[in-house]
Amino acid sequence: MTRISLELGGGGKSMRDFIAGKILPAFKNRELAGLLDASHLPGKIAFTTDSYVVDPIFFPGGDIGKLAVNGTVNDLVVSGAVPRFLSLGLILEEGLDAGDLDKILRSLAAAAARAGVRIVTGDTKVVKQGQGDKIYINTSGIGRVIAVPQPRSVRPGDKIILTGTLGEHSLAILTARGDFGIEAPVRSDCAPLTFLLPFWRKGVLWMRDITRGGLATILTELAAEAPHPLLIEEEHIPLSKAVRAAADLLGIDPLYLACEGRAVMVVPAKKAAAVLAGIRKHPLGRKAAVIGQVEGTMGRPGELLLRTAAGGFRLLEPLTSELLPRIC
């Protein structure tokens, strides 16, 4: 590779290979080695950072400010940490409408209040017109560790739980751009996942928020790390009518669409019913479902299998190219 390509930011295999082969060798340490959503540091501190370049900056169900807070908060939650503090870095393009900036700042403040975090430090830079795209945001987050994800502790029979429907965020961005000339009554699922924190103490072994690369990519990463294959059931995966229709129309597999307010987790079989019932009590978890399990009788370690609605089986692989650029 001699030039950086857009697909390196897509959250799939190309991005992970790029990070592992190009970036990690320059900074060898155990905190980075696992490529976790947040690093666990001495003193039970979790630390994460993320940058947001979404286009457009306003979309149905949210904006870049709401996205920046929730994206960083959720990375802490799924890493087993209670979010506490955020930093806020703003890169503004000359000519940005001051009214739009005010809306985004209000959105940042509202999202932080809802998630129970405080923005305590930050930085602002301005670049010449044409050297940016209205506004980019970086947020870093610090949290208190209450659990350590244990992907290698999963065992056959453990259940895979999805906390809600897939793909609303990707579809909201797609329709807001108007690139395909489609309209859909859908809003981004962008929301904080802090309501999931108590379930770390109720048996959850592993958890990830479903962002770039979608459910399939995230579960293939788990399958590569876990000692057993994974099986998910197509007919049990919750999809809204709008996402299902748009995916069929555009030929997009919803298993690779991004969310910004959904998580997938692995729970021991004997605790799964109680965890699922608890998640469904929250407004953000009403469509939660058991979508599969850790396998012990089919497949090979490292594999993610999909049992299709027709009863056949399909081997799922991580996203290999950029599906929808700049969705977060």
C-alpha atoms as a PDB file:
ATOM      1  CA  MET A   1       0.000   0.000   0.000  1.00  0.00           C
ATOM      2  CA  THR A   2       1.417   3.361  -1.050  1.00  0.00           C
ATOM      3  CA  ARG A   3      -1.665   5.551  -0.522  1.00  0.00           C
ATOM      4  CA  ILE A   4      -4.371   5.705   2.112  1.00  0.00           C
ATOM      5  CA  SER A   5      -7.772   4.602   0.775  1.00  0.00           C
ATOM      6  CA  LEU A   6     -11.234   5.409   2.062  1.00  0.00           C
ATOM      7  CA  GLU A   7     -11.990   1.778   2.922  1.00  0.00           C
ATOM      8  CA  LEU A   8      -9.377   1.887   5.701  1.00  0.00           C
ATOM      9  CA  GLY A   9     -11.896   3.835   7.781  1.00  0.00           C
ATOM     10  CA  GLY A  10     -14.802   1.454   7.255  1.00  0.00           C
ATOM     11  CA  GLY A  11     -14.441  -0.640  10.381  1.00  0.00           C
ATOM     12  CA  GLY A  12     -13.915  -3.904   8.509  1.00  0.00           C
ATOM     13  CA  LYS A  13     -11.036  -6.256   7.802  1.00  0.00           C
ATOM     14  CA  SER A  14      -9.047  -3.702   5.787  1.00  0.00           C
ATOM     15  CA  MET A  15      -9.130  -1.228   8.658  1.00  0.00           C
ATOM     16  CA  ARG A  16      -8.192  -3.815  11.282  1.00  0.00           C
ATOM     17  CA  ASP A  17      -5.325  -5.158   9.160  1.00  0.00           C
ATOM     18  CA  PHE A  18      -4.105  -1.604   8.568  1.00  0.00           C
ATOM     19  CA  ILE A  19      -4.097  -0.795  12.280  1.00  0.00           C
ATOM     20  CA  ALA A  20      -2.451  -4.074  13.218  1.00  0.00           C
ATOM     21  CA  GLY A  21       0.182  -3.910  10.487  1.00  0.00           C
ATOM     22  CA  LYS A  22       0.909  -0.188  10.264  1.00  0.00           C
ATOM     23  CA  ILE A  23       0.006   1.547  13.513  1.00  0.00           C
ATOM     24  CA  LEU A  24       0.442  -0.939  16.353  1.00  0.00           C
ATOM     25  CA  PRO A  25       4.096  -1.758  15.512  1.00  0.00           C
ATOM     26  CA  ALA A  26       4.976   1.898  16.158  1.00  0.00           C
ATOM     27  CA  PHE A  27       3.514   1.834  19.684  1.00  0.00           C
ATOM     28  CA  LYS A  28       4.127  -1.555  21.222  1.00  0.00           C
ATOM     29  CA  ASN A  29       2.416  -1.919  24.598  1.00  0.00           C
ATOM     30  CA  ARG A  30      -0.041  -4.298  26.212  1.00  0.00           C
ATOM     31  CA  GLU A  31      -2.815  -1.709  26.509  1.00  0.00           C
ATOM     32  CA  LEU A  32      -2.998  -1.342  22.720  1.00  0.00           C
ATOM     33  CA  ALA A  33      -2.390  -4.974  21.865  1.00  0.00           C
ATOM     34  CA  GLY A  34      -5.992  -6.113  22.259  1.00  0.00           C
ATOM     35  CA  LEU A  35      -7.473  -3.353  20.065  1.00  0.00           C
ATOM     36  CA  LEU A  36     -10.256  -2.872  22.603  1.00  0.00           C
ATOM     37  CA  ASP A  37     -12.885  -0.130  22.510  1.00  0.00           C
ATOM     38  CA  ALA A  38     -11.287   1.270  25.674  1.00  0.00           C
ATOM     39  CA  SER A  39      -8.018   0.485  27.436  1.00  0.00           C
ATOM     40  CA  HIS A  40      -8.030  -0.576  31.071  1.00  0.00           C
ATOM     41  CA  LEU A  41      -5.333   1.325  32.962  1.00  0.00           C
ATOM     42  CA  PRO A  42      -3.943   1.026  36.513  1.00  0.00           C
ATOM     43  CA  GLY A  43      -6.322   2.193  39.218  1.00  0.00           C
ATOM     44  CA  LYS A  44      -9.409   0.692  37.541  1.00  0.00           C
ATOM     45  CA  ILE A  45      -9.509   3.485  34.966  1.00  0.00           C
ATOM     46  CA  ALA A  46     -10.778   2.977  31.406  1.00  0.00           C
ATOM     47  CA  PHE A  47      -9.699   5.376  28.667  1.00  0.00           C
ATOM     48  CA  THR A  48     -10.948   5.731  25.098  1.00  0.00           C
ATOM     49  CA  THR A  49     -10.897   8.245  22.247  1.00  0.00           C
ATOM     50  CA  ASP A  50     -12.768   8.644  18.975  1.00  0.00           C
ATOM     51  CA  SER A  51     -13.090  11.138  16.134  1.00  0.00           C
ATOM     52  CA  TYR A  52     -16.290  11.996  14.270  1.00  0.00           C
ATOM     53  CA  VAL A  53     -16.477  13.121  10.641  1.00  0.00           C
ATOM     54  CA  VAL A  54     -20.090  12.220   9.831  1.00  0.00           C
ATOM     55  CA  ASP A  55     -21.647  13.614   6.653  1.00  0.00           C
ATOM     56  CA  PRO A  56     -24.126  15.284   6.890  1.00  0.00           C
ATOM     57  CA  ILE A  57     -23.601  16.822  10.319  1.00  0.00           C
ATOM     58  CA  PHE A  58     -27.373  16.872  10.943  1.00  0.00           C
ATOM     59  CA  PHE A  59     -29.431  13.753  10.258  1.00  0.00           C
ATOM     60  CA  PRO A  60     -32.768  12.264  11.351  1.00  0.00           C
ATOM     61  CA  GLY A  61     -32.454  11.404  15.024  1.00  0.00           C
ATOM     62  CA  GLY A  62     -29.276  13.306  15.786  1.00  0.00           C
ATOM     63  CA  ASP A  63     -26.252  15.319  14.762  1.00  0.00           C
ATOM     64  CA  ILE A  64     -22.484  15.142  15.038  1.00  0.00           C
ATOM     65  CA  GLY A  65     -22.562  16.433  18.631  1.00  0.00           C
ATOM     66  CA  LYS A  66     -24.972  13.822  19.936  1.00  0.00           C
ATOM     67  CA  LEU A  67     -23.051  11.169  18.029  1.00  0.00           C
ATOM     68  CA  ALA A  68     -19.687  12.211  19.501  1.00  0.00           C
ATOM     69  CA  VAL A  69     -20.875  11.977  23.101  1.00  0.00           C
ATOM     70  CA  ASN A  70     -22.791   8.716  22.734  1.00  0.00           C
ATOM     71  CA  GLY A  71     -20.119   7.027  20.642  1.00  0.00           C
ATOM     72  CA  THR A  72     -17.458   7.602  23.281  1.00  0.00           C
ATOM     73  CA  VAL A  73     -19.781   6.829  26.201  1.00  0.00           C
ATOM     74  CA  ASN A  74     -20.773   3.541  24.572  1.00  0.00           C
ATOM     75  CA  ASP A  75     -17.160   2.502  24.004  1.00  0.00           C
ATOM     76  CA  LEU A  76     -16.643   2.787  27.766  1.00  0.00           C
ATOM     77  CA  VAL A  77     -19.855   0.938  28.648  1.00  0.00           C
ATOM     78  CA  VAL A  78     -19.104  -2.096  26.469  1.00  0.00           C
ATOM     79  CA  SER A  79     -15.577  -2.181  27.887  1.00  0.00           C
ATOM     80  CA  GLY A  80     -16.959  -2.663  31.384  1.00  0.00           C
ATOM     81  CA  ALA A  81     -16.607   0.911  32.631  1.00  0.00           C
ATOM     82  CA  VAL A  82     -18.928   3.565  34.060  1.00  0.00           C
ATOM     83  CA  PRO A  83     -18.402   6.723  31.935  1.00  0.00           C
ATOM     84  CA  ARG A  84     -17.422   9.782  33.987  1.00  0.00           C
ATOM     85  CA  PHE A  85     -15.553  12.480  32.041  1.00  0.00           C
ATOM     86  CA  LEU A  86     -15.115  13.526  28.399  1.00  0.00           C
ATOM     87  CA  SER A  87     -12.795  15.833  26.509  1.00  0.00           C
ATOM     88  CA  LEU A  88     -14.045  17.794  23.512  1.00  0.00           C
ATOM     89  CA  GLY A  89     -11.876  18.674  20.519  1.00  0.00           C
ATOM     90  CA  LEU A  90     -13.432  20.828  17.788  1.00  0.00           C
ATOM     91  CA  ILE A  91     -11.945  21.312  14.310  1.00  0.00           C
ATOM     92  CA  LEU A  92     -14.020  24.005  12.618  1.00  0.00           C
ATOM     93  CA  GLU A  93     -13.909  24.981   8.969  1.00  0.00           C
ATOM     94  CA  GLU A  94     -13.858  28.653   8.132  1.00  0.00           C
ATOM     95  CA  GLY A  95     -17.370  29.650   7.047  1.00  0.00           C
ATOM     96  CA  LEU A  96     -19.253  27.247   9.343  1.00  0.00           C
ATOM     97  CA  ASP A  97     -22.616  28.774  10.189  1.00  0.00           C
ATOM     98  CA  ALA A  98     -22.538  30.049  13.780  1.00  0.00           C
ATOM     99  CA  GLY A  99     -26.125  28.940  14.284  1.00  0.00           C
ATOM    100  CA  ASP A 100     -25.204  25.381  13.319  1.00  0.00           C
ATOM    101  CA  LEU A 101     -22.342  25.443  15.804  1.00  0.00           C
ATOM    102  CA  ASP A 102     -24.715  26.614  18.534  1.00  0.00           C
ATOM    103  CA  LYS A 103     -27.091  23.719  17.756  1.00  0.00           C
ATOM    104  CA  ILE A 104     -24.241  21.231  17.959  1.00  0.00           C
ATOM    105  CA  LEU A 105     -22.961  22.642  21.252  1.00  0.00           C
ATOM    106  CA  ARG A 106     -26.452  22.400  22.752  1.00  0.00           C
ATOM    107  CA  SER A 107     -26.692  18.839  21.473  1.00  0.00           C
ATOM    108  CA  LEU A 108     -23.326  17.964  23.018  1.00  0.00           C
ATOM    109  CA  ALA A 109     -24.444  19.365  26.378  1.00  0.00           C
ATOM    110  CA  ALA A 110     -27.800  17.580  26.288  1.00  0.00           C
ATOM    111  CA  ALA A 111     -26.246  14.235  25.326  1.00  0.00           C
ATOM    112  CA  ALA A 112     -23.642  14.528  28.078  1.00  0.00           C
ATOM    113  CA  ALA A 113     -26.330  15.296  30.671  1.00  0.00           C
ATOM    114  CA  ARG A 114     -28.420  12.321  29.541  1.00  0.00           C
ATOM    115  CA  ALA A 115     -25.425   9.982  29.711  1.00  0.00           C
ATOM    116  CA  GLY A 116     -24.350  11.280  33.126  1.00  0.00           C
ATOM    117  CA  VAL A 117     -20.921  12.511  32.010  1.00  0.00           C
ATOM    118  CA  ARG A 118     -19.171  15.867  32.219  1.00  0.00           C
ATOM    119  CA  ILE A 119     -17.131  17.561  29.494  1.00  0.00           C
ATOM    120  CA  VAL A 120     -14.137  18.787  31.491  1.00  0.00           C
ATOM    121  CA  THR A 121     -11.460  19.788  28.957  1.00  0.00           C
ATOM    122  CA  GLY A 122     -11.119  20.498  25.276  1.00  0.00           C
ATOM    123  CA  ASP A 123      -9.508  22.265  22.351  1.00  0.00           C
ATOM    124  CA  THR A 124     -10.653  24.293  19.336  1.00  0.00           C
ATOM    125  CA  LYS A 125      -8.926  24.731  15.991  1.00  0.00           C
ATOM    126  CA  VAL A 126     -10.081  26.497  12.804  1.00  0.00           C
ATOM    127  CA  VAL A 127      -8.923  25.533   9.303  1.00  0.00           C
ATOM    128  CA  LYS A 128      -9.287  27.456   6.048  1.00  0.00           C
ATOM    129  CA  GLN A 129     -12.375  26.998   3.927  1.00  0.00           C
ATOM    130  CA  GLY A 130     -11.936  23.939   1.747  1.00  0.00           C
ATOM    131  CA  GLN A 131      -9.507  22.262   4.187  1.00  0.00           C
ATOM    132  CA  GLY A 132     -12.229  20.622   6.255  1.00  0.00           C
ATOM    133  CA  ASP A 133     -15.924  19.790   5.994  1.00  0.00           C
ATOM    134  CA  LYS A 134     -17.815  22.156   8.324  1.00  0.00           C
ATOM    135  CA  ILE A 135     -16.847  20.485  11.612  1.00  0.00           C
ATOM    136  CA  TYR A 136     -14.952  17.466  12.914  1.00  0.00           C
ATOM    137  CA  ILE A 137     -15.118  16.427  16.579  1.00  0.00           C
ATOM    138  CA  ASN A 138     -12.815  14.340  18.768  1.00  0.00           C
ATOM    139  CA  THR A 139     -13.967  13.113  22.158  1.00  0.00           C
ATOM    140  CA  SER A 140     -11.943  11.147  24.684  1.00  0.00           C
ATOM    141  CA  GLY A 141     -13.537   9.467  27.656  1.00  0.00           C
ATOM    142  CA  ILE A 142     -12.519   8.293  31.112  1.00  0.00           C
ATOM    143  CA  GLY A 143     -14.511   5.795  33.143  1.00  0.00           C
ATOM    144  CA  ARG A 144     -14.382   3.623  36.243  1.00  0.00           C
ATOM    145  CA  VAL A 145     -13.852  -0.087  35.522  1.00  0.00           C
ATOM    146  CA  ILE A 146     -16.482  -2.380  37.047  1.00  0.00           C
ATOM    147  CA  ALA A 147     -15.912  -5.479  34.882  1.00  0.00           C
ATOM    148  CA  VAL A 148     -13.407  -7.005  32.487  1.00  0.00           C
ATOM    149  CA  PRO A 149     -14.784  -8.522  29.249  1.00  0.00           C
ATOM    150  CA  GLN A 150     -13.916 -12.215  29.006  1.00  0.00           C
ATOM    151  CA  PRO A 151     -14.227 -13.322  25.363  1.00  0.00           C
ATOM    152  CA  ARG A 152     -12.113 -16.407  25.934  1.00  0.00           C
ATOM    153  CA  SER A 153     -14.411 -17.547  28.747  1.00  0.00           C
ATOM    154  CA  VAL A 154     -17.405 -18.134  26.466  1.00  0.00           C
ATOM    155  CA  ARG A 155     -18.565 -21.726  26.302  1.00  0.00           C
ATOM    156  CA  PRO A 156     -20.890 -23.782  24.085  1.00  0.00           C
ATOM    157  CA  GLY A 157     -24.501 -22.982  24.884  1.00  0.00           C
ATOM    158  CA  ASP A 158     -23.820 -19.379  25.952  1.00  0.00           C
ATOM    159  CA  LYS A 159     -26.391 -17.089  24.350  1.00  0.00           C
ATOM    160  CA  ILE A 160     -25.842 -14.122  22.034  1.00  0.00           C
ATOM    161  CA  ILE A 161     -28.196 -11.217  22.800  1.00  0.00           C
ATOM    162  CA  LEU A 162     -28.820  -8.235  20.521  1.00  0.00           C
ATOM    163  CA  THR A 163     -30.270  -5.211  22.332  1.00  0.00           C
ATOM    164  CA  GLY A 164     -32.405  -3.864  19.459  1.00  0.00           C
ATOM    165  CA  THR A 165     -33.031  -3.565  15.745  1.00  0.00           C
ATOM    166  CA  LEU A 166     -30.163  -3.166  13.299  1.00  0.00           C
ATOM    167  CA  GLY A 167     -29.200  -0.517  10.792  1.00  0.00           C
ATOM    168  CA  GLU A 168     -31.226   2.597  11.640  1.00  0.00           C
ATOM    169  CA  HIS A 169     -28.151   4.816  11.924  1.00  0.00           C
ATOM    170  CA  SER A 170     -26.723   3.807   8.549  1.00  0.00           C
ATOM    171  CA  LEU A 171     -30.094   4.202   6.861  1.00  0.00           C
ATOM    172  CA  ALA A 172     -30.707   7.616   8.474  1.00  0.00           C
ATOM    173  CA  ILE A 173     -27.361   8.860   7.135  1.00  0.00           C
ATOM    174  CA  LEU A 174     -28.022   7.336   3.717  1.00  0.00           C
ATOM    175  CA  THR A 175     -31.409   8.995   3.327  1.00  0.00           C
ATOM    176  CA  ALA A 176     -30.134  12.335   4.667  1.00  0.00           C
ATOM    177  CA  ARG A 177     -27.488  12.395   1.923  1.00  0.00           C
ATOM    178  CA  GLY A 178     -30.032  11.724  -0.797  1.00  0.00           C
ATOM    179  CA  ASP A 179     -27.457   9.820  -2.844  1.00  0.00           C
ATOM    180  CA  PHE A 180     -29.840   7.022  -3.829  1.00  0.00           C
ATOM    181  CA  GLY A 181     -33.027   9.058  -4.087  1.00  0.00           C
ATOM    182  CA  ILE A 182     -34.847   7.002  -1.477  1.00  0.00           C
ATOM    183  CA  GLU A 183     -36.918   8.149   1.457  1.00  0.00           C
ATOM    184  CA  ALA A 184     -37.520   6.126   4.585  1.00  0.00           C
ATOM    185  CA  PRO A 185     -39.320   6.917   7.856  1.00  0.00           C
ATOM    186  CA  VAL A 186     -36.285   6.102   9.965  1.00  0.00           C
ATOM    187  CA  ARG A 187     -34.269   7.913  12.617  1.00  0.00           C
ATOM    188  CA  SER A 188     -30.785   7.112  13.835  1.00  0.00           C
ATOM    189  CA  ASP A 189     -30.725   4.889  16.922  1.00  0.00           C
ATOM    190  CA  CYS A 190     -27.990   7.140  18.378  1.00  0.00           C
ATOM    191  CA  ALA A 191     -28.313   6.835  22.181  1.00  0.00           C
ATOM    192  CA  PRO A 192     -26.247   6.095  25.294  1.00  0.00           C
ATOM    193  CA  LEU A 193     -25.961   2.473  26.377  1.00  0.00           C
ATOM    194  CA  THR A 194     -25.477   3.278  30.059  1.00  0.00           C
ATOM    195  CA  PHE A 195     -28.614   1.285  30.906  1.00  0.00           C
ATOM    196  CA  LEU A 196     -26.598  -1.854  30.128  1.00  0.00           C
ATOM    197  CA  LEU A 197     -24.032  -1.269  32.889  1.00  0.00           C
ATOM    198  CA  PRO A 198     -25.884  -3.276  35.598  1.00  0.00           C
ATOM    199  CA  PHE A 199     -25.831  -6.369  33.413  1.00  0.00           C
ATOM    200  CA  TRP A 200     -22.064  -6.683  33.777  1.00  0.00           C
ATOM    201  CA  ARG A 201     -22.812  -7.793  37.349  1.00  0.00           C
ATOM    202  CA  LYS A 202     -25.518 -10.184  36.172  1.00  0.00           C
ATOM    203  CA  GLY A 203     -23.344 -12.521  34.159  1.00  0.00           C
ATOM    204  CA  VAL A 204     -22.443 -10.796  30.875  1.00  0.00           C
ATOM    205  CA  LEU A 205     -19.128 -12.191  29.610  1.00  0.00           C
ATOM    206  CA  TRP A 206     -18.554  -9.889  26.639  1.00  0.00           C
ATOM    207  CA  MET A 207     -20.201  -6.869  25.017  1.00  0.00           C
ATOM    208  CA  ARG A 208     -19.663  -4.617  21.985  1.00  0.00           C
ATOM    209  CA  ASP A 209     -21.560  -1.692  20.505  1.00  0.00           C
ATOM    210  CA  ILE A 210     -22.509  -2.247  16.876  1.00  0.00           C
ATOM    211  CA  THR A 211     -20.866   0.515  14.866  1.00  0.00           C
ATOM    212  CA  ARG A 212     -18.781   0.461  11.669  1.00  0.00           C
ATOM    213  CA  GLY A 213     -18.731  -2.961  10.045  1.00  0.00           C
ATOM    214  CA  GLY A 214     -22.043  -3.953  11.594  1.00  0.00           C
ATOM    215  CA  LEU A 215     -23.080  -6.995  13.588  1.00  0.00           C
ATOM    216  CA  ALA A 216     -21.409  -9.527  11.290  1.00  0.00           C
ATOM    217  CA  THR A 217     -17.984  -7.884  11.452  1.00  0.00           C
ATOM    218  CA  ILE A 218     -18.100  -7.515  15.227  1.00  0.00           C
ATOM    219  CA  LEU A 219     -19.117 -11.128  15.777  1.00  0.00           C
ATOM    220  CA  THR A 220     -16.437 -12.406  13.391  1.00  0.00           C
ATOM    221  CA  GLU A 221     -13.913 -10.571  15.568  1.00  0.00           C
ATOM    222  CA  LEU A 222     -15.316 -12.312  18.641  1.00  0.00           C
ATOM    223  CA  ALA A 223     -15.266 -15.669  16.843  1.00  0.00           C
ATOM    224  CA  ALA A 224     -11.595 -15.168  16.000  1.00  0.00           C
ATOM    225  CA  GLU A 225     -10.799 -14.596  19.670  1.00  0.00           C
ATOM    226  CA  ALA A 226     -13.174 -17.059  21.340  1.00  0.00           C
ATOM    227  CA  PRO A 227     -12.313 -20.773  21.596  1.00  0.00           C
ATOM    228  CA  HIS A 228     -15.550 -21.879  19.907  1.00  0.00           C
ATOM    229  CA  PRO A 229     -17.548 -21.073  16.749  1.00  0.00           C
ATOM    230  CA  LEU A 230     -20.631 -18.843  16.884  1.00  0.00           C
ATOM    231  CA  LEU A 231     -24.055 -19.393  15.317  1.00  0.00           C
ATOM    232  CA  ILE A 232     -26.701 -16.713  14.758  1.00  0.00           C
ATOM    233  CA  GLU A 233     -30.245 -17.226  13.506  1.00  0.00           C
ATOM    234  CA  GLU A 234     -31.445 -14.969  10.688  1.00  0.00           C
ATOM    235  CA  GLU A 235     -35.115 -15.242  11.669  1.00  0.00           C
ATOM    236  CA  HIS A 236     -34.360 -14.073  15.229  1.00  0.00           C
ATOM    237  CA  ILE A 237     -32.485 -10.891  14.239  1.00  0.00           C
ATOM    238  CA  PRO A 238     -34.785  -7.881  14.772  1.00  0.00           C
ATOM    239  CA  LEU A 239     -35.094  -5.481  11.816  1.00  0.00           C
ATOM    240  CA  SER A 240     -37.474  -2.581  11.320  1.00  0.00           C
ATOM    241  CA  LYS A 241     -39.703  -2.608   8.244  1.00  0.00           C
ATOM    242  CA  ALA A 242     -37.877   0.457   6.885  1.00  0.00           C
ATOM    243  CA  VAL A 243     -34.429  -1.114   7.175  1.00  0.00           C
ATOM    244  CA  ARG A 244     -35.604  -4.404   5.711  1.00  0.00           C
ATOM    245  CA  ALA A 245     -37.229  -2.657   2.740  1.00  0.00           C
ATOM    246  CA  ALA A 246     -34.257  -0.360   2.070  1.00  0.00           C
ATOM    247  CA  ALA A 247     -31.772  -3.224   2.351  1.00  0.00           C
ATOM    248  CA  ASP A 248     -33.775  -5.280  -0.145  1.00  0.00           C
ATOM    249  CA  LEU A 249     -34.084  -2.329  -2.533  1.00  0.00           C
ATOM    250  CA  LEU A 250     -30.388  -1.415  -2.445  1.00  0.00           C
ATOM    251  CA  GLY A 251     -28.982  -4.914  -2.136  1.00  0.00           C
ATOM    252  CA  ILE A 252     -27.327  -4.149   1.217  1.00  0.00           C
ATOM    253  CA  ASP A 253     -26.962  -6.842   3.877  1.00  0.00           C
ATOM    254  CA  PRO A 254     -28.319  -5.345   7.142  1.00  0.00           C
ATOM    255  CA  LEU A 255     -25.855  -7.487   9.091  1.00  0.00           C
ATOM    256  CA  TYR A 256     -23.159  -5.037   7.949  1.00  0.00           C
ATOM    257  CA  LEU A 257     -25.053  -1.803   8.685  1.00  0.00           C
ATOM    258  CA  ALA A 258     -23.943   0.378  11.576  1.00  0.00           C
ATOM    259  CA  CYS A 259     -25.872   1.329  14.685  1.00  0.00           C
ATOM    260  CA  GLU A 260     -25.049   3.951  17.316  1.00  0.00           C
ATOM    261  CA  GLY A 261     -27.285   2.775  20.140  1.00  0.00           C
ATOM    262  CA  ARG A 262     -27.245  -1.014  19.978  1.00  0.00           C
ATOM    263  CA  ALA A 263     -25.002  -3.637  21.533  1.00  0.00           C
ATOM    264  CA  VAL A 264     -24.443  -7.359  21.215  1.00  0.00           C
ATOM    265  CA  MET A 265     -23.401  -9.474  24.195  1.00  0.00           C
ATOM    266  CA  VAL A 266     -22.672 -13.034  25.257  1.00  0.00           C
ATOM    267  CA  VAL A 267     -24.347 -14.369  28.413  1.00  0.00           C
ATOM    268  CA  PRO A 268     -24.221 -17.833  30.038  1.00  0.00           C
ATOM    269  CA  ALA A 269     -27.286 -19.845  29.057  1.00  0.00           C
ATOM    270  CA  LYS A 270     -28.675 -20.092  32.598  1.00  0.00           C
ATOM    271  CA  LYS A 271     -28.601 -16.302  33.004  1.00  0.00           C
ATOM    272  CA  ALA A 272     -29.720 -15.277  29.514  1.00  0.00           C
ATOM    273  CA  ALA A 273     -33.474 -15.200  30.178  1.00  0.00           C
ATOM    274  CA  ALA A 274     -33.088 -12.905  33.176  1.00  0.00           C
ATOM    275  CA  VAL A 275     -30.692 -10.593  31.339  1.00  0.00           C
ATOM    276  CA  LEU A 276     -32.977 -10.419  28.292  1.00  0.00           C
ATOM    277  CA  ALA A 277     -35.998  -9.629  30.455  1.00  0.00           C
ATOM    278  CA  GLY A 278     -34.051  -6.874  32.201  1.00  0.00           C
ATOM    279  CA  ILE A 279     -32.930  -5.298  28.926  1.00  0.00           C
ATOM    280  CA  ARG A 280     -36.472  -5.342  27.543  1.00  0.00           C
ATOM    281  CA  LYS A 281     -37.700  -3.289  30.505  1.00  0.00           C
ATOM    282  CA  HIS A 282     -35.747  -0.292  29.219  1.00  0.00           C
ATOM    283  CA  PRO A 283     -37.201   1.765  26.310  1.00  0.00           C
ATOM    284  CA  LEU A 284     -33.998   1.274  24.302  1.00  0.00           C
ATOM    285  CA  GLY A 285     -34.129  -2.489  24.762  1.00  0.00           C
ATOM    286  CA  ARG A 286     -37.728  -3.362  23.991  1.00  0.00           C
ATOM    287  CA  LYS A 287     -36.789  -5.186  20.780  1.00  0.00           C
ATOM    288  CA  ALA A 288     -33.895  -7.092  22.349  1.00  0.00           C
ATOM    289  CA  ALA A 289     -33.633 -10.744  21.344  1.00  0.00           C
ATOM    290  CA  VAL A 290     -31.531 -13.857  21.708  1.00  0.00           C
ATOM    291  CA  ILE A 291     -30.148 -14.228  18.185  1.00  0.00           C
ATOM    292  CA  GLY A 292     -27.814 -17.193  18.545  1.00  0.00           C
ATOM    293  CA  GLN A 293     -25.336 -19.026  20.677  1.00  0.00           C
ATOM    294  CA  VAL A 294     -21.803 -20.245  21.104  1.00  0.00           C
ATOM    295  CA  GLU A 295     -21.619 -23.578  19.272  1.00  0.00           C
ATOM    296  CA  GLY A 296     -20.241 -26.893  20.366  1.00  0.00           C
ATOM    297  CA  THR A 297     -21.483 -29.275  17.675  1.00  0.00           C
ATOM    298  CA  MET A 298     -21.080 -27.456  14.349  1.00  0.00           C
ATOM    299  CA  GLY A 299     -18.524 -25.222  12.749  1.00  0.00           C
ATOM    300  CA  ARG A 300     -14.878 -24.733  13.609  1.00  0.00           C
ATOM    301  CA  PRO A 301     -13.230 -22.353  16.083  1.00  0.00           C
ATOM    302  CA  GLY A 302     -12.970 -18.900  14.526  1.00  0.00           C
ATOM    303  CA  GLU A 303     -16.101 -19.281  12.384  1.00  0.00           C
ATOM    304  CA  LEU A 304     -19.319 -17.254  12.490  1.00  0.00           C
ATOM    305  CA  LEU A 305     -22.249 -19.135  10.983  1.00  0.00           C
ATOM    306  CA  LEU A 306     -25.663 -17.810   9.986  1.00  0.00           C
ATOM    307  CA  ARG A 307     -28.632 -20.151   9.850  1.00  0.00           C
ATOM    308  CA  THR A 308     -30.757 -18.553   7.123  1.00  0.00           C
ATOM    309  CA  ALA A 309     -34.532 -18.187   7.258  1.00  0.00           C
ATOM    310  CA  ALA A 310     -34.691 -20.969   4.637  1.00  0.00           C
ATOM    311  CA  GLY A 311     -32.831 -23.343   6.949  1.00  0.00           C
ATOM    312  CA  GLY A 312     -29.457 -23.349   5.204  1.00  0.00           C
ATOM    313  CA  PHE A 313     -26.120 -22.199   6.594  1.00  0.00           C
ATOM    314  CA  ARG A 314     -23.851 -19.374   5.503  1.00  0.00           C
ATOM    315  CA  LEU A 315     -20.331 -18.579   6.672  1.00  0.00           C
ATOM    316  CA  LEU A 316     -20.117 -14.885   7.548  1.00  0.00           C
ATOM    317  CA  GLU A 317     -16.946 -12.887   7.034  1.00  0.00           C
ATOM    318  CA  PRO A 318     -15.936  -9.383   8.171  1.00  0.00           C
ATOM    319  CA  LEU A 319     -16.674  -6.394   5.984  1.00  0.00           C
ATOM    320  CA  THR A 320     -13.837  -6.119   3.464  1.00  0.00           C
ATOM    321  CA  SER A 321     -14.544  -2.743   1.846  1.00  0.00           C
ATOM    322  CA  GLU A 322     -16.151   0.596   2.661  1.00  0.00           C
ATOM    323  CA  LEU A 323     -19.926   0.128   2.619  1.00  0.00           C
ATOM    324  CA  LEU A 324     -21.038   3.645   3.612  1.00  0.00           C
ATOM    325  CA  PRO A 325     -18.204   6.114   4.219  1.00  0.00           C
ATOM    326  CA  ARG A 326     -18.386   8.806   6.904  1.00  0.00           C
ATOM    327  CA  ILE A 327     -21.313   7.434   8.882  1.00  0.00           C
ATOM    328  CA  CYS A 328     -19.759   8.448  12.206  1.00  0.00           C
END
